[in-house]
Amino acid sequence: MAVPYVVIPRNNPGKPDAPKKFYAKAKSALKRLSKEICEGNSTVSDTDTLAVLNELTKVLRRNLSQGKIVRLGDFGCLQVAVSSDGAETEERFNQSLIRRAKVNFRPGAELRNMLATLKYTKTK
């Protein structure tokens, strides 16, 4: 199976007057993960799977908000990353310079290997 993508025009934020260039963007479709897990080789129900995924979300929120790296076995790791404006000195830096935070995901070996062997198909 191939990953579908579309081609979209984008501006260069550093050069707003430059002509747009065209880039690939993966086309996503929402998948109900809990149902797919249950339809596989699992003996748990869709409701049980949803309960585990809901609890996982709570545990992730609690641990990531404490600055912890969450390791999910062979699946990979999740970690909070922050972006900030700079300060002239360390003493002048304060929390108000932090612009945003995001969750970074580092896939485990199986997912990295999958990424290395992906095939692609252009869609409309």
Protein backbone atom coordinates (compact mmCIF):
# COMPACT_ATOMS: atom_id res chain seq x y z
CA MET A 1 0.00 0.00 0.00
CA ALA A 2 1.23 3.50 -0.80
CA VAL A 3 0.95 6.75 1.14
CA PRO A 4 -1.28 9.18 -0.80
CA TYR A 5 -0.03 12.74 -1.23
CA VAL A 6 -1.13 15.97 -2.85
CA VAL A 7 1.02 18.76 -4.24
CA ILE A 8 0.42 22.22 -2.80
CA PRO A 9 1.97 25.66 -3.39
CA ARG A 10 3.71 27.37 -0.48
CA ASN A 11 5.38 30.72 0.08
CA ASN A 12 8.90 31.02 1.45
CA PRO A 13 8.34 32.75 4.84
CA GLY A 14 11.85 34.21 4.71
CA LYS A 15 11.26 35.63 1.21
CA PRO A 16 7.59 36.63 0.91
CA ASP A 17 8.11 38.16 -2.56
CA ALA A 18 9.71 35.02 -4.01
CA PRO A 19 7.54 32.85 -6.26
CA LYS A 20 5.70 29.99 -4.63
CA LYS A 21 7.18 26.50 -4.83
CA PHE A 22 5.25 23.26 -4.90
CA TYR A 23 5.64 20.67 -2.14
CA ALA A 24 4.24 17.23 -1.35
CA LYS A 25 1.83 16.92 1.58
CA ALA A 26 0.66 13.54 2.87
CA LYS A 27 -3.08 13.16 2.51
CA SER A 28 -4.49 11.75 5.73
CA ALA A 29 -7.65 9.89 6.57
CA LEU A 30 -8.94 9.50 10.10
CA LYS A 31 -8.87 5.89 11.29
CA ARG A 32 -10.71 4.53 14.30
CA LEU A 33 -7.74 2.84 15.92
CA SER A 34 -9.61 1.08 18.72
CA LYS A 35 -11.89 -0.73 16.27
CA GLU A 36 -8.97 -1.86 14.13
CA ILE A 37 -7.10 -3.19 17.17
CA CYS A 38 -10.15 -5.24 18.17
CA GLU A 39 -10.64 -6.64 14.67
CA GLY A 40 -7.05 -7.95 14.64
CA ASN A 41 -5.69 -10.74 16.80
CA SER A 42 -6.94 -9.18 20.03
CA THR A 43 -9.29 -10.73 22.56
CA VAL A 44 -10.42 -7.39 24.00
CA SER A 45 -13.53 -5.48 23.02
CA ASP A 46 -13.70 -2.10 21.32
CA THR A 47 -14.92 -0.60 24.62
CA ASP A 48 -11.98 -2.08 26.56
CA THR A 49 -9.52 -0.82 23.97
CA LEU A 50 -11.03 2.67 24.11
CA ALA A 51 -10.77 2.61 27.90
CA VAL A 52 -7.05 1.76 27.69
CA LEU A 53 -6.43 4.48 25.07
CA ASN A 54 -8.31 7.03 27.21
CA GLU A 55 -6.21 6.07 30.24
CA LEU A 56 -3.05 6.28 28.13
CA THR A 57 -4.00 9.85 27.21
CA LYS A 58 -4.36 10.76 30.90
CA VAL A 59 -1.02 9.17 31.80
CA LEU A 60 0.71 10.87 28.87
CA ARG A 61 -0.75 14.26 29.83
CA ARG A 62 0.38 13.87 33.45
CA ASN A 63 3.92 12.67 32.66
CA LEU A 64 4.61 14.99 29.73
CA SER A 65 3.41 18.01 31.74
CA GLN A 66 6.08 17.10 34.32
CA GLY A 67 8.80 17.19 31.65
CA LYS A 68 9.24 13.42 31.53
CA ILE A 69 10.12 11.44 28.40
CA VAL A 70 7.49 8.74 27.96
CA ARG A 71 8.81 5.51 26.46
CA LEU A 72 6.22 3.22 24.94
CA GLY A 73 8.38 0.16 24.31
CA ASP A 74 8.95 -0.65 20.64
CA PHE A 75 6.34 1.96 19.62
CA GLY A 76 8.64 4.91 20.43
CA CYS A 77 9.06 7.90 22.77
CA LEU A 78 7.10 11.08 23.40
CA GLN A 79 8.65 14.26 24.79
CA VAL A 80 7.68 17.92 25.20
CA ALA A 81 9.68 20.47 23.20
CA VAL A 82 9.42 24.25 23.61
CA SER A 83 10.11 27.19 21.30
CA SER A 84 11.11 30.54 22.70
CA ASP A 85 12.36 33.96 21.81
CA GLY A 86 15.96 34.67 22.75
CA ALA A 87 17.30 36.84 25.55
CA GLU A 88 20.59 38.73 25.64
CA THR A 89 21.69 36.90 28.80
CA GLU A 90 20.52 33.91 30.83
CA GLU A 91 19.53 36.25 33.68
CA ARG A 92 17.20 38.21 31.35
CA PHE A 93 15.44 35.09 30.13
CA ASN A 94 12.02 34.49 31.68
CA GLN A 95 9.04 32.24 31.08
CA SER A 96 7.17 34.89 29.07
CA LEU A 97 9.68 34.36 26.24
CA ILE A 98 8.41 30.81 25.70
CA ARG A 99 6.08 30.96 22.69
CA ARG A 100 4.70 27.44 22.49
CA ALA A 101 5.17 23.80 23.34
CA LYS A 102 4.58 20.70 21.27
CA VAL A 103 4.87 16.96 21.70
CA ASN A 104 7.67 15.31 19.73
CA PHE A 105 7.38 11.65 18.82
CA ARG A 106 10.45 9.53 18.08
CA PRO A 107 9.38 6.26 16.52
CA GLY A 108 10.82 2.90 17.52
CA ALA A 109 12.85 0.72 15.14
CA GLU A 110 9.88 -0.94 13.39
CA LEU A 111 8.22 2.37 12.55
CA ARG A 112 11.56 3.89 11.43
CA ASN A 113 12.10 0.91 9.13
CA MET A 114 8.57 1.32 7.74
CA LEU A 115 9.31 4.98 6.97
CA ALA A 116 12.46 4.01 5.09
CA THR A 117 10.53 1.71 2.74
CA LEU A 118 7.35 3.72 2.07
CA LYS A 119 5.94 4.02 -1.42
CA TYR A 120 3.93 7.05 -2.54
CA THR A 121 1.04 7.74 -4.89
CA LYS A 122 -0.14 11.17 -6.06
CA THR A 123 -3.85 11.91 -5.54
CA LYS A 124 -6.13 14.82 -6.32
